[in-house]
Structure formats: structure tokens, C-alpha cells
Amino acid sequence: MSDVFDRIRDEIGKNDVLLFMKGTPVFPQCGFSAAVVDVLSQLGVKFHGINILTDGELRQGIKEFSQWPTIPQLYVKGEFVGGCDIIREMFETGELEQLMKEKGVTLAHAA
């Protein structure tokens, strides 16, 4: 499992905003992943998506790494933020936008 954890740490380290998801940002393959992609798109956040469906070891590894049982999982500047429900709630309250600003993530709001 340590090899998978190393891969996960590497991806988290090289991407300011990283989404472990089912499918891709262009073609999410579950409603929860699609919902988080939508939230990030509404905020105008550039992010990297990793499709866990193509790698069973990664799919299990990310759950153990974060100690969070579900996918998608959002990381911002190395910090695990949460899954779909948390991200949606943070978006609705303005917390997610505030977090992005505090972490220095550029937002390109679609006006």
C-alpha cells in the first residue's frame, strides 16, 4: 500500500486542486463526481481530476490514505477538504470560495 500512498502524495503535491473522482472532469461517471466538477466549474477553479475507475489499487488506496470511505475526494493545496456533500455545502455557504482564496487558488468566476 505504501507505493500507492507515495503516488497519492506525489499527485497531491504537484496539483494545487486535485479531485479523485469516478470518470474525468469532461466525462464524470457518477452523479457525485459530476456535482463536485460542477461546483469547481462554477467557482472557475482549475483542477486536475484523477479517474480512480481505471486503477483498482488507487481506488482502494485513496480511501485508506484519507480515511474517507467515498469518492469523490477533493484536495486543495495538499489538504483533504471532503467529499461531495461537504463540498456542496461549503459551496452553498461560501466557505469553499473562502478556502480557495485563503489557500491562494485563483478563481475565474464565470460572470
PDB file of N, CA and C in Angstrom:
ATOM      1  N   MET A   1       0.820  -1.203   0.000  1.00  0.00           N
ATOM      2  CA  MET A   1       0.000   0.000   0.000  1.00  0.00           C
ATOM      3  C   MET A   1       0.859   1.260   0.000  1.00  0.00           C
ATOM      4  N   SER A   2       2.115   1.144   0.476  1.00  0.00           N
ATOM      5  CA  SER A   2       2.949   2.344   0.573  1.00  0.00           C
ATOM      6  C   SER A   2       3.273   2.919  -0.808  1.00  0.00           C
ATOM      7  N   ASP A   3       3.395   2.062  -1.833  1.00  0.00           N
ATOM      8  CA  ASP A   3       3.628   2.563  -3.197  1.00  0.00           C
ATOM      9  C   ASP A   3       2.462   3.424  -3.663  1.00  0.00           C
ATOM     10  N   VAL A   4       1.245   2.978  -3.368  1.00  0.00           N
ATOM     11  CA  VAL A   4       0.045   3.738  -3.741  1.00  0.00           C
ATOM     12  C   VAL A   4       0.023   5.054  -2.969  1.00  0.00           C
ATOM     13  N   PHE A   5       0.339   4.999  -1.683  1.00  0.00           N
ATOM     14  CA  PHE A   5       0.371   6.222  -0.874  1.00  0.00           C
ATOM     15  C   PHE A   5       1.403   7.203  -1.433  1.00  0.00           C
ATOM     16  N   ASP A   6       2.541   6.688  -1.885  1.00  0.00           N
ATOM     17  CA  ASP A   6       3.559   7.555  -2.491  1.00  0.00           C
ATOM     18  C   ASP A   6       3.020   8.216  -3.753  1.00  0.00           C
ATOM     19  N   ARG A   7       2.315   7.451  -4.581  1.00  0.00           N
ATOM     20  CA  ARG A   7       1.712   8.019  -5.801  1.00  0.00           C
ATOM     21  C   ARG A   7       0.688   9.087  -5.447  1.00  0.00           C
ATOM     22  N   ILE A   8      -0.127   8.813  -4.426  1.00  0.00           N
ATOM     23  CA  ILE A   8      -1.151   9.764  -3.998  1.00  0.00           C
ATOM     24  C   ILE A   8      -0.483  11.045  -3.487  1.00  0.00           C
ATOM     25  N   ARG A   9       0.514  10.906  -2.629  1.00  0.00           N
ATOM     26  CA  ARG A   9       1.230  12.075  -2.099  1.00  0.00           C
ATOM     27  C   ARG A   9       1.848  12.883  -3.234  1.00  0.00           C
ATOM     28  N   ASP A  10       2.406  12.204  -4.224  1.00  0.00           N
ATOM     29  CA  ASP A  10       3.026  12.871  -5.364  1.00  0.00           C
ATOM     30  C   ASP A  10       2.000  13.701  -6.128  1.00  0.00           C
ATOM     31  N   GLU A  11       0.838  13.112  -6.407  1.00  0.00           N
ATOM     32  CA  GLU A  11      -0.222  13.825  -7.135  1.00  0.00           C
ATOM     33  C   GLU A  11      -0.743  15.018  -6.331  1.00  0.00           C
ATOM     34  N   ILE A  12      -0.942  14.814  -5.036  1.00  0.00           N
ATOM     35  CA  ILE A  12      -1.422  15.893  -4.177  1.00  0.00           C
ATOM     36  C   ILE A  12      -0.400  17.027  -4.144  1.00  0.00           C
ATOM     37  N   GLY A  13       0.886  16.651  -4.114  1.00  0.00           N
ATOM     38  CA  GLY A  13       1.949  17.647  -4.046  1.00  0.00           C
ATOM     39  C   GLY A  13       2.102  18.477  -5.311  1.00  0.00           C
ATOM     40  N   LYS A  14       1.815  17.890  -6.463  1.00  0.00           N
ATOM     41  CA  LYS A  14       2.045  18.633  -7.710  1.00  0.00           C
ATOM     42  C   LYS A  14       0.791  19.289  -8.292  1.00  0.00           C
ATOM     43  N   ASN A  15      -0.351  19.150  -7.634  1.00  0.00           N
ATOM     44  CA  ASN A  15      -1.594  19.767  -8.099  1.00  0.00           C
ATOM     45  C   ASN A  15      -2.208  20.594  -6.983  1.00  0.00           C
ATOM     46  N   ASP A  16      -2.378  21.894  -7.220  1.00  0.00           N
ATOM     47  CA  ASP A  16      -2.971  22.768  -6.198  1.00  0.00           C
ATOM     48  C   ASP A  16      -4.386  22.323  -5.837  1.00  0.00           C
ATOM     49  N   VAL A  17      -5.168  21.955  -6.855  1.00  0.00           N
ATOM     50  CA  VAL A  17      -6.532  21.472  -6.621  1.00  0.00           C
ATOM     51  C   VAL A  17      -6.656  20.136  -7.346  1.00  0.00           C
ATOM     52  N   LEU A  18      -6.927  19.109  -6.588  1.00  0.00           N
ATOM     53  CA  LEU A  18      -6.932  17.749  -7.114  1.00  0.00           C
ATOM     54  C   LEU A  18      -8.218  17.049  -6.697  1.00  0.00           C
ATOM     55  N   LEU A  19      -8.860  16.412  -7.670  1.00  0.00           N
ATOM     56  CA  LEU A  19     -10.097  15.681  -7.409  1.00  0.00           C
ATOM     57  C   LEU A  19      -9.922  14.224  -7.806  1.00  0.00           C
ATOM     58  N   PHE A  20      -9.952  13.352  -6.812  1.00  0.00           N
ATOM     59  CA  PHE A  20     -10.018  11.920  -7.090  1.00  0.00           C
ATOM     60  C   PHE A  20     -11.488  11.636  -7.349  1.00  0.00           C
ATOM     61  N   MET A  21     -11.793  11.100  -8.531  1.00  0.00           N
ATOM     62  CA  MET A  21     -13.185  11.008  -8.949  1.00  0.00           C
ATOM     63  C   MET A  21     -13.427   9.763  -9.783  1.00  0.00           C
ATOM     64  N   LYS A  22     -14.697   9.494 -10.029  1.00  0.00           N
ATOM     65  CA  LYS A  22     -15.092   8.427 -10.950  1.00  0.00           C
ATOM     66  C   LYS A  22     -15.322   9.096 -12.295  1.00  0.00           C
ATOM     67  N   GLY A  23     -14.491   8.719 -13.273  1.00  0.00           N
ATOM     68  CA  GLY A  23     -14.559   9.347 -14.585  1.00  0.00           C
ATOM     69  C   GLY A  23     -13.551  10.476 -14.677  1.00  0.00           C
ATOM     70  N   THR A  24     -13.798  11.389 -15.609  1.00  0.00           N
ATOM     71  CA  THR A  24     -12.901  12.517 -15.845  1.00  0.00           C
ATOM     72  C   THR A  24     -13.677  13.817 -15.691  1.00  0.00           C
ATOM     73  N   PRO A  25     -12.979  14.953 -15.562  1.00  0.00           N
ATOM     74  CA  PRO A  25     -13.695  16.228 -15.468  1.00  0.00           C
ATOM     75  C   PRO A  25     -14.630  16.472 -16.661  1.00  0.00           C
ATOM     76  N   VAL A  26     -14.240  16.012 -17.840  1.00  0.00           N
ATOM     77  CA  VAL A  26     -15.071  16.194 -19.032  1.00  0.00           C
ATOM     78  C   VAL A  26     -16.214  15.187 -19.071  1.00  0.00           C
ATOM     79  N   PHE A  27     -15.970  13.991 -18.518  1.00  0.00           N
ATOM     80  CA  PHE A  27     -16.979  12.940 -18.545  1.00  0.00           C
ATOM     81  C   PHE A  27     -17.052  12.216 -17.198  1.00  0.00           C
ATOM     82  N   PRO A  28     -17.633  12.885 -16.181  1.00  0.00           N
ATOM     83  CA  PRO A  28     -17.792  12.228 -14.877  1.00  0.00           C
ATOM     84  C   PRO A  28     -18.689  10.998 -15.021  1.00  0.00           C
ATOM     85  N   GLN A  29     -18.359   9.934 -14.283  1.00  0.00           N
ATOM     86  CA  GLN A  29     -19.123   8.703 -14.410  1.00  0.00           C
ATOM     87  C   GLN A  29     -19.948   8.377 -13.171  1.00  0.00           C
ATOM     88  N   CYS A  30     -20.188   9.376 -12.345  1.00  0.00           N
ATOM     89  CA  CYS A  30     -21.169   9.225 -11.266  1.00  0.00           C
ATOM     90  C   CYS A  30     -21.684  10.610 -10.909  1.00  0.00           C
ATOM     91  N   GLY A  31     -22.869  10.651 -10.375  1.00  0.00           N
ATOM     92  CA  GLY A  31     -23.510  11.921 -10.062  1.00  0.00           C
ATOM     93  C   GLY A  31     -22.760  12.741  -9.025  1.00  0.00           C
ATOM     94  N   PHE A  32     -22.134  12.069  -8.071  1.00  0.00           N
ATOM     95  CA  PHE A  32     -21.406  12.783  -7.022  1.00  0.00           C
ATOM     96  C   PHE A  32     -20.163  13.462  -7.595  1.00  0.00           C
ATOM     97  N   SER A  33     -19.440  12.727  -8.443  1.00  0.00           N
ATOM     98  CA  SER A  33     -18.274  13.328  -9.101  1.00  0.00           C
ATOM     99  C   SER A  33     -18.712  14.487  -9.991  1.00  0.00           C
ATOM    100  N   ALA A  34     -19.809  14.309 -10.714  1.00  0.00           N
ATOM    101  CA  ALA A  34     -20.329  15.367 -11.591  1.00  0.00           C
ATOM    102  C   ALA A  34     -20.694  16.607 -10.778  1.00  0.00           C
ATOM    103  N   ALA A  35     -21.263  16.409  -9.593  1.00  0.00           N
ATOM    104  CA  ALA A  35     -21.668  17.536  -8.748  1.00  0.00           C
ATOM    105  C   ALA A  35     -20.452  18.345  -8.293  1.00  0.00           C
ATOM    106  N   VAL A  36     -19.370  17.674  -7.922  1.00  0.00           N
ATOM    107  CA  VAL A  36     -18.167  18.393  -7.478  1.00  0.00           C
ATOM    108  C   VAL A  36     -17.511  19.101  -8.661  1.00  0.00           C
ATOM    109  N   VAL A  37     -17.465  18.451  -9.820  1.00  0.00           N
ATOM    110  CA  VAL A  37     -16.940  19.103 -11.029  1.00  0.00           C
ATOM    111  C   VAL A  37     -17.747  20.371 -11.320  1.00  0.00           C
ATOM    112  N   ASP A  38     -19.054  20.285 -11.184  1.00  0.00           N
ATOM    113  CA  ASP A  38     -19.930  21.430 -11.429  1.00  0.00           C
ATOM    114  C   ASP A  38     -19.622  22.582 -10.457  1.00  0.00           C
ATOM    115  N   VAL A  39     -19.464  22.274  -9.191  1.00  0.00           N
ATOM    116  CA  VAL A  39     -19.152  23.291  -8.183  1.00  0.00           C
ATOM    117  C   VAL A  39     -17.823  23.971  -8.515  1.00  0.00           C
ATOM    118  N   LEU A  40     -16.806  23.167  -8.806  1.00  0.00           N
ATOM    119  CA  LEU A  40     -15.495  23.739  -9.127  1.00  0.00           C
ATOM    120  C   LEU A  40     -15.563  24.589 -10.392  1.00  0.00           C
ATOM    121  N   SER A  41     -16.349  24.139 -11.361  1.00  0.00           N
ATOM    122  CA  SER A  41     -16.517  24.906 -12.603  1.00  0.00           C
ATOM    123  C   SER A  41     -17.228  26.226 -12.338  1.00  0.00           C
ATOM    124  N   GLN A  42     -18.246  26.204 -11.473  1.00  0.00           N
ATOM    125  CA  GLN A  42     -18.962  27.439 -11.136  1.00  0.00           C
ATOM    126  C   GLN A  42     -18.045  28.449 -10.458  1.00  0.00           C
ATOM    127  N   LEU A  43     -17.108  27.959  -9.653  1.00  0.00           N
ATOM    128  CA  LEU A  43     -16.153  28.842  -8.991  1.00  0.00           C
ATOM    129  C   LEU A  43     -15.046  29.292  -9.946  1.00  0.00           C
ATOM    130  N   GLY A  44     -14.914  28.590 -11.061  1.00  0.00           N
ATOM    131  CA  GLY A  44     -13.848  28.908 -12.003  1.00  0.00           C
ATOM    132  C   GLY A  44     -12.493  28.411 -11.535  1.00  0.00           C
ATOM    133  N   VAL A  45     -12.494  27.305 -10.821  1.00  0.00           N
ATOM    134  CA  VAL A  45     -11.257  26.731 -10.287  1.00  0.00           C
ATOM    135  C   VAL A  45     -10.672  25.764 -11.315  1.00  0.00           C
ATOM    136  N   LYS A  46      -9.394  25.965 -11.629  1.00  0.00           N
ATOM    137  CA  LYS A  46      -8.695  24.983 -12.457  1.00  0.00           C
ATOM    138  C   LYS A  46      -8.271  23.851 -11.541  1.00  0.00           C
ATOM    139  N   PHE A  47      -8.559  22.628 -11.960  1.00  0.00           N
ATOM    140  CA  PHE A  47      -8.229  21.480 -11.115  1.00  0.00           C
ATOM    141  C   PHE A  47      -7.826  20.304 -11.976  1.00  0.00           C
ATOM    142  N   HIS A  48      -7.160  19.368 -11.347  1.00  0.00           N
ATOM    143  CA  HIS A  48      -6.755  18.131 -12.011  1.00  0.00           C
ATOM    144  C   HIS A  48      -7.639  17.013 -11.474  1.00  0.00           C
ATOM    145  N   GLY A  49      -8.196  16.220 -12.368  1.00  0.00           N
ATOM    146  CA  GLY A  49      -9.013  15.083 -11.969  1.00  0.00           C
ATOM    147  C   GLY A  49      -8.273  13.784 -12.213  1.00  0.00           C
ATOM    148  N   ILE A  50      -8.386  12.857 -11.281  1.00  0.00           N
ATOM    149  CA  ILE A  50      -7.802  11.524 -11.439  1.00  0.00           C
ATOM    150  C   ILE A  50      -8.932  10.506 -11.392  1.00  0.00           C
ATOM    151  N   ASN A  51      -9.045   9.730 -12.453  1.00  0.00           N
ATOM    152  CA  ASN A  51     -10.092   8.726 -12.583  1.00  0.00           C
ATOM    153  C   ASN A  51      -9.683   7.468 -11.819  1.00  0.00           C
ATOM    154  N   ILE A  52     -10.337   7.219 -10.695  1.00  0.00           N
ATOM    155  CA  ILE A  52      -9.986   6.056  -9.878  1.00  0.00           C
ATOM    156  C   ILE A  52     -10.571   4.763 -10.454  1.00  0.00           C
ATOM    157  N   LEU A  53     -11.454   4.872 -11.433  1.00  0.00           N
ATOM    158  CA  LEU A  53     -12.064   3.670 -12.018  1.00  0.00           C
ATOM    159  C   LEU A  53     -11.072   2.866 -12.857  1.00  0.00           C
ATOM    160  N   THR A  54     -10.002   3.513 -13.301  1.00  0.00           N
ATOM    161  CA  THR A  54      -9.033   2.825 -14.156  1.00  0.00           C
ATOM    162  C   THR A  54      -7.929   2.138 -13.359  1.00  0.00           C
ATOM    163  N   ASP A  55      -7.948   2.263 -12.030  1.00  0.00           N
ATOM    164  CA  ASP A  55      -6.870   1.735 -11.207  1.00  0.00           C
ATOM    165  C   ASP A  55      -7.436   1.265  -9.872  1.00  0.00           C
ATOM    166  N   GLY A  56      -7.685  -0.040  -9.757  1.00  0.00           N
ATOM    167  CA  GLY A  56      -8.285  -0.604  -8.550  1.00  0.00           C
ATOM    168  C   GLY A  56      -7.449  -0.371  -7.300  1.00  0.00           C
ATOM    169  N   GLU A  57      -6.132  -0.433  -7.449  1.00  0.00           N
ATOM    170  CA  GLU A  57      -5.242  -0.214  -6.307  1.00  0.00           C
ATOM    171  C   GLU A  57      -5.370   1.226  -5.802  1.00  0.00           C
ATOM    172  N   LEU A  58      -5.435   2.168  -6.727  1.00  0.00           N
ATOM    173  CA  LEU A  58      -5.605   3.570  -6.364  1.00  0.00           C
ATOM    174  C   LEU A  58      -6.988   3.809  -5.756  1.00  0.00           C
ATOM    175  N   ARG A  59      -7.985   3.147  -6.321  1.00  0.00           N
ATOM    176  CA  ARG A  59      -9.363   3.296  -5.828  1.00  0.00           C
ATOM    177  C   ARG A  59      -9.465   2.934  -4.352  1.00  0.00           C
ATOM    178  N   GLN A  60      -8.825   1.840  -3.958  1.00  0.00           N
ATOM    179  CA  GLN A  60      -8.831   1.435  -2.552  1.00  0.00           C
ATOM    180  C   GLN A  60      -7.847   2.280  -1.753  1.00  0.00           C
ATOM    181  N   GLY A  61      -6.698   2.566  -2.353  1.00  0.00           N
ATOM    182  CA  GLY A  61      -5.644   3.290  -1.657  1.00  0.00           C
ATOM    183  C   GLY A  61      -6.054   4.683  -1.219  1.00  0.00           C
ATOM    184  N   ILE A  62      -6.790   5.399  -2.047  1.00  0.00           N
ATOM    185  CA  ILE A  62      -7.170   6.769  -1.694  1.00  0.00           C
ATOM    186  C   ILE A  62      -8.122   6.765  -0.499  1.00  0.00           C
ATOM    187  N   LYS A  63      -8.965   5.751  -0.414  1.00  0.00           N
ATOM    188  CA  LYS A  63      -9.887   5.658   0.726  1.00  0.00           C
ATOM    189  C   LYS A  63      -9.123   5.424   2.026  1.00  0.00           C
ATOM    190  N   GLU A  64      -8.084   4.598   1.955  1.00  0.00           N
ATOM    191  CA  GLU A  64      -7.277   4.325   3.143  1.00  0.00           C
ATOM    192  C   GLU A  64      -6.388   5.520   3.469  1.00  0.00           C
ATOM    193  N   PHE A  65      -5.853   6.155   2.449  1.00  0.00           N
ATOM    194  CA  PHE A  65      -4.975   7.312   2.637  1.00  0.00           C
ATOM    195  C   PHE A  65      -5.691   8.434   3.382  1.00  0.00           C
ATOM    196  N   SER A  66      -6.907   8.744   2.933  1.00  0.00           N
ATOM    197  CA  SER A  66      -7.661   9.862   3.513  1.00  0.00           C
ATOM    198  C   SER A  66      -8.492   9.444   4.726  1.00  0.00           C
ATOM    199  N   GLN A  67      -8.653   8.123   4.897  1.00  0.00           N
ATOM    200  CA  GLN A  67      -9.572   7.571   5.896  1.00  0.00           C
ATOM    201  C   GLN A  67     -10.983   8.114   5.666  1.00  0.00           C
ATOM    202  N   TRP A  68     -11.334   8.217   4.378  1.00  0.00           N
ATOM    203  CA  TRP A  68     -12.653   8.681   3.950  1.00  0.00           C
ATOM    204  C   TRP A  68     -13.197   7.617   3.005  1.00  0.00           C
ATOM    205  N   PRO A  69     -14.400   7.082   3.251  1.00  0.00           N
ATOM    206  CA  PRO A  69     -14.848   5.883   2.543  1.00  0.00           C
ATOM    207  C   PRO A  69     -15.385   6.093   1.125  1.00  0.00           C
ATOM    208  N   THR A  70     -15.608   7.332   0.717  1.00  0.00           N
ATOM    209  CA  THR A  70     -16.285   7.528  -0.563  1.00  0.00           C
ATOM    210  C   THR A  70     -15.472   8.375  -1.535  1.00  0.00           C
ATOM    211  N   ILE A  71     -15.858   8.279  -2.788  1.00  0.00           N
ATOM    212  CA  ILE A  71     -15.297   9.050  -3.887  1.00  0.00           C
ATOM    213  C   ILE A  71     -16.446   9.895  -4.423  1.00  0.00           C
ATOM    214  N   PRO A  72     -16.257  11.136  -4.775  1.00  0.00           N
ATOM    215  CA  PRO A  72     -15.003  11.860  -4.987  1.00  0.00           C
ATOM    216  C   PRO A  72     -14.394  12.382  -3.691  1.00  0.00           C
ATOM    217  N   GLN A  73     -13.101  12.755  -3.819  1.00  0.00           N
ATOM    218  CA  GLN A  73     -12.368  13.380  -2.730  1.00  0.00           C
ATOM    219  C   GLN A  73     -11.612  14.571  -3.286  1.00  0.00           C
ATOM    220  N   LEU A  74     -11.780  15.719  -2.641  1.00  0.00           N
ATOM    221  CA  LEU A  74     -11.141  16.945  -3.093  1.00  0.00           C
ATOM    222  C   LEU A  74     -10.001  17.338  -2.166  1.00  0.00           C
ATOM    223  N   TYR A  75      -8.854  17.652  -2.779  1.00  0.00           N
ATOM    224  CA  TYR A  75      -7.679  18.147  -2.059  1.00  0.00           C
ATOM    225  C   TYR A  75      -7.348  19.539  -2.589  1.00  0.00           C
ATOM    226  N   VAL A  76      -7.069  20.464  -1.672  1.00  0.00           N
ATOM    227  CA  VAL A  76      -6.682  21.814  -2.049  1.00  0.00           C
ATOM    228  C   VAL A  76      -5.366  22.139  -1.349  1.00  0.00           C
ATOM    229  N   LYS A  77      -4.346  22.410  -2.144  1.00  0.00           N
ATOM    230  CA  LYS A  77      -3.005  22.730  -1.620  1.00  0.00           C
ATOM    231  C   LYS A  77      -2.554  21.711  -0.579  1.00  0.00           C
ATOM    232  N   GLY A  78      -2.749  20.436  -0.898  1.00  0.00           N
ATOM    233  CA  GLY A  78      -2.277  19.364  -0.042  1.00  0.00           C
ATOM    234  C   GLY A  78      -3.212  18.958   1.072  1.00  0.00           C
ATOM    235  N   GLU A  79      -4.308  19.677   1.248  1.00  0.00           N
ATOM    236  CA  GLU A  79      -5.235  19.403   2.360  1.00  0.00           C
ATOM    237  C   GLU A  79      -6.501  18.721   1.843  1.00  0.00           C
ATOM    238  N   PHE A  80      -6.893  17.622   2.503  1.00  0.00           N
ATOM    239  CA  PHE A  80      -8.144  16.948   2.166  1.00  0.00           C
ATOM    240  C   PHE A  80      -9.298  17.825   2.631  1.00  0.00           C
ATOM    241  N   VAL A  81     -10.189  18.172   1.708  1.00  0.00           N
ATOM    242  CA  VAL A  81     -11.316  19.046   2.037  1.00  0.00           C
ATOM    243  C   VAL A  81     -12.563  18.224   2.326  1.00  0.00           C
ATOM    244  N   GLY A  82     -12.865  17.243   1.488  1.00  0.00           N
ATOM    245  CA  GLY A  82     -14.034  16.411   1.738  1.00  0.00           C
ATOM    246  C   GLY A  82     -14.574  15.778   0.481  1.00  0.00           C
ATOM    247  N   GLY A  83     -15.744  15.177   0.645  1.00  0.00           N
ATOM    248  CA  GLY A  83     -16.447  14.533  -0.453  1.00  0.00           C
ATOM    249  C   GLY A  83     -17.564  15.412  -0.970  1.00  0.00           C
ATOM    250  N   CYS A  84     -18.435  14.838  -1.744  1.00  0.00           N
ATOM    251  CA  CYS A  84     -19.477  15.586  -2.454  1.00  0.00           C
ATOM    252  C   CYS A  84     -20.358  16.428  -1.535  1.00  0.00           C
ATOM    253  N   ASP A  85     -20.926  15.829  -0.509  1.00  0.00           N
ATOM    254  CA  ASP A  85     -21.855  16.564   0.362  1.00  0.00           C
ATOM    255  C   ASP A  85     -21.175  17.748   1.042  1.00  0.00           C
ATOM    256  N   ILE A  86     -19.963  17.521   1.534  1.00  0.00           N
ATOM    257  CA  ILE A  86     -19.224  18.596   2.203  1.00  0.00           C
ATOM    258  C   ILE A  86     -18.901  19.710   1.212  1.00  0.00           C
ATOM    259  N   ILE A  87     -18.446  19.343   0.023  1.00  0.00           N
ATOM    260  CA  ILE A  87     -18.079  20.344  -0.991  1.00  0.00           C
ATOM    261  C   ILE A  87     -19.305  21.155  -1.386  1.00  0.00           C
ATOM    262  N   ARG A  88     -20.420  20.473  -1.614  1.00  0.00           N
ATOM    263  CA  ARG A  88     -21.658  21.190  -1.990  1.00  0.00           C
ATOM    264  C   ARG A  88     -22.090  22.159  -0.892  1.00  0.00           C
ATOM    265  N   GLU A  89     -22.059  21.684   0.350  1.00  0.00           N
ATOM    266  CA  GLU A  89     -22.458  22.531   1.472  1.00  0.00           C
ATOM    267  C   GLU A  89     -21.514  23.731   1.611  1.00  0.00           C
ATOM    268  N   MET A  90     -20.213  23.492   1.485  1.00  0.00           N
ATOM    269  CA  MET A  90     -19.243  24.587   1.580  1.00  0.00           C
ATOM    270  C   MET A  90     -19.443  25.600   0.454  1.00  0.00           C
ATOM    271  N   PHE A  91     -19.799  25.110  -0.726  1.00  0.00           N
ATOM    272  CA  PHE A  91     -20.055  25.996  -1.861  1.00  0.00           C
ATOM    273  C   PHE A  91     -21.267  26.881  -1.580  1.00  0.00           C
ATOM    274  N   GLU A  92     -22.332  26.255  -1.078  1.00  0.00           N
ATOM    275  CA  GLU A  92     -23.577  26.992  -0.829  1.00  0.00           C
ATOM    276  C   GLU A  92     -23.416  28.062   0.251  1.00  0.00           C
ATOM    277  N   THR A  93     -22.548  27.816   1.237  1.00  0.00           N
ATOM    278  CA  THR A  93     -22.353  28.787   2.317  1.00  0.00           C
ATOM    279  C   THR A  93     -21.258  29.803   2.005  1.00  0.00           C
ATOM    280  N   GLY A  94     -20.540  29.595   0.903  1.00  0.00           N
ATOM    281  CA  GLY A  94     -19.443  30.496   0.559  1.00  0.00           C
ATOM    282  C   GLY A  94     -18.110  30.080   1.164  1.00  0.00           C
ATOM    283  N   GLU A  95     -18.135  29.025   1.992  1.00  0.00           N
ATOM    284  CA  GLU A  95     -16.907  28.549   2.643  1.00  0.00           C
ATOM    285  C   GLU A  95     -15.870  28.041   1.652  1.00  0.00           C
ATOM    286  N   LEU A  96     -16.323  27.380   0.598  1.00  0.00           N
ATOM    287  CA  LEU A  96     -15.385  26.805  -0.366  1.00  0.00           C
ATOM    288  C   LEU A  96     -14.634  27.916  -1.101  1.00  0.00           C
ATOM    289  N   GLU A  97     -15.366  28.934  -1.508  1.00  0.00           N
ATOM    290  CA  GLU A  97     -14.723  30.065  -2.179  1.00  0.00           C
ATOM    291  C   GLU A  97     -13.707  30.727  -1.240  1.00  0.00           C
ATOM    292  N   GLN A  98     -14.088  30.896   0.011  1.00  0.00           N
ATOM    293  CA  GLN A  98     -13.188  31.494   1.006  1.00  0.00           C
ATOM    294  C   GLN A  98     -11.936  30.641   1.191  1.00  0.00           C
ATOM    295  N   LEU A  99     -12.117  29.319   1.272  1.00  0.00           N
ATOM    296  CA  LEU A  99     -10.986  28.411   1.423  1.00  0.00           C
ATOM    297  C   LEU A  99     -10.033  28.547   0.240  1.00  0.00           C
ATOM    298  N   MET A 100     -10.586  28.578  -0.966  1.00  0.00           N
ATOM    299  CA  MET A 100      -9.755  28.710  -2.168  1.00  0.00           C
ATOM    300  C   MET A 100      -8.941  30.005  -2.111  1.00  0.00           C
ATOM    301  N   LYS A 101      -9.587  31.091  -1.725  1.00  0.00           N
ATOM    302  CA  LYS A 101      -8.896  32.386  -1.637  1.00  0.00           C
ATOM    303  C   LYS A 101      -7.800  32.340  -0.570  1.00  0.00           C
ATOM    304  N   GLU A 102      -8.119  31.769   0.591  1.00  0.00           N
ATOM    305  CA  GLU A 102      -7.131  31.676   1.675  1.00  0.00           C
ATOM    306  C   GLU A 102      -5.921  30.846   1.263  1.00  0.00           C
ATOM    307  N   LYS A 103      -6.158  29.822   0.457  1.00  0.00           N
ATOM    308  CA  LYS A 103      -5.074  28.939   0.009  1.00  0.00           C
ATOM    309  C   LYS A 103      -4.340  29.506  -1.206  1.00  0.00           C
ATOM    310  N   GLY A 104      -4.821  30.627  -1.735  1.00  0.00           N
ATOM    311  CA  GLY A 104      -4.156  31.244  -2.875  1.00  0.00           C
ATOM    312  C   GLY A 104      -4.518  30.629  -4.224  1.00  0.00           C
ATOM    313  N   VAL A 105      -5.673  29.978  -4.287  1.00  0.00           N
ATOM    314  CA  VAL A 105      -6.130  29.375  -5.547  1.00  0.00           C
ATOM    315  C   VAL A 105      -6.876  30.447  -6.348  1.00  0.00           C
ATOM    316  N   THR A 106      -6.489  30.590  -7.597  1.00  0.00           N
ATOM    317  CA  THR A 106      -7.109  31.587  -8.465  1.00  0.00           C
ATOM    318  C   THR A 106      -8.511  31.139  -8.860  1.00  0.00           C
ATOM    319  N   LEU A 107      -9.469  32.060  -8.726  1.00  0.00           N
ATOM    320  CA  LEU A 107     -10.846  31.799  -9.130  1.00  0.00           C
ATOM    321  C   LEU A 107     -11.152  32.665 -10.343  1.00  0.00           C
ATOM    322  N   ALA A 108     -11.694  32.061 -11.363  1.00  0.00           N
ATOM    323  CA  ALA A 108     -12.080  32.801 -12.570  1.00  0.00           C
ATOM    324  C   ALA A 108     -13.572  32.665 -12.736  1.00  0.00           C
ATOM    325  N   HIS A 109     -14.300  33.437 -11.923  1.00  0.00           N
ATOM    326  CA  HIS A 109     -15.759  33.345 -11.938  1.00  0.00           C
ATOM    327  C   HIS A 109     -16.318  33.591 -13.336  1.00  0.00           C
ATOM    328  N   ALA A 110     -17.254  32.734 -13.718  1.00  0.00           N
ATOM    329  CA  ALA A 110     -17.986  32.969 -14.957  1.00  0.00           C
ATOM    330  C   ALA A 110     -19.076  33.969 -14.621  1.00  0.00           C
ATOM    331  N   ALA A 111     -19.009  35.128 -15.207  1.00  0.00           N
ATOM    332  CA  ALA A 111     -19.961  36.203 -14.861  1.00  0.00           C
ATOM    333  C   ALA A 111     -21.219  36.100 -15.693  1.00  0.00           C
TER     334      ALA A 111
END
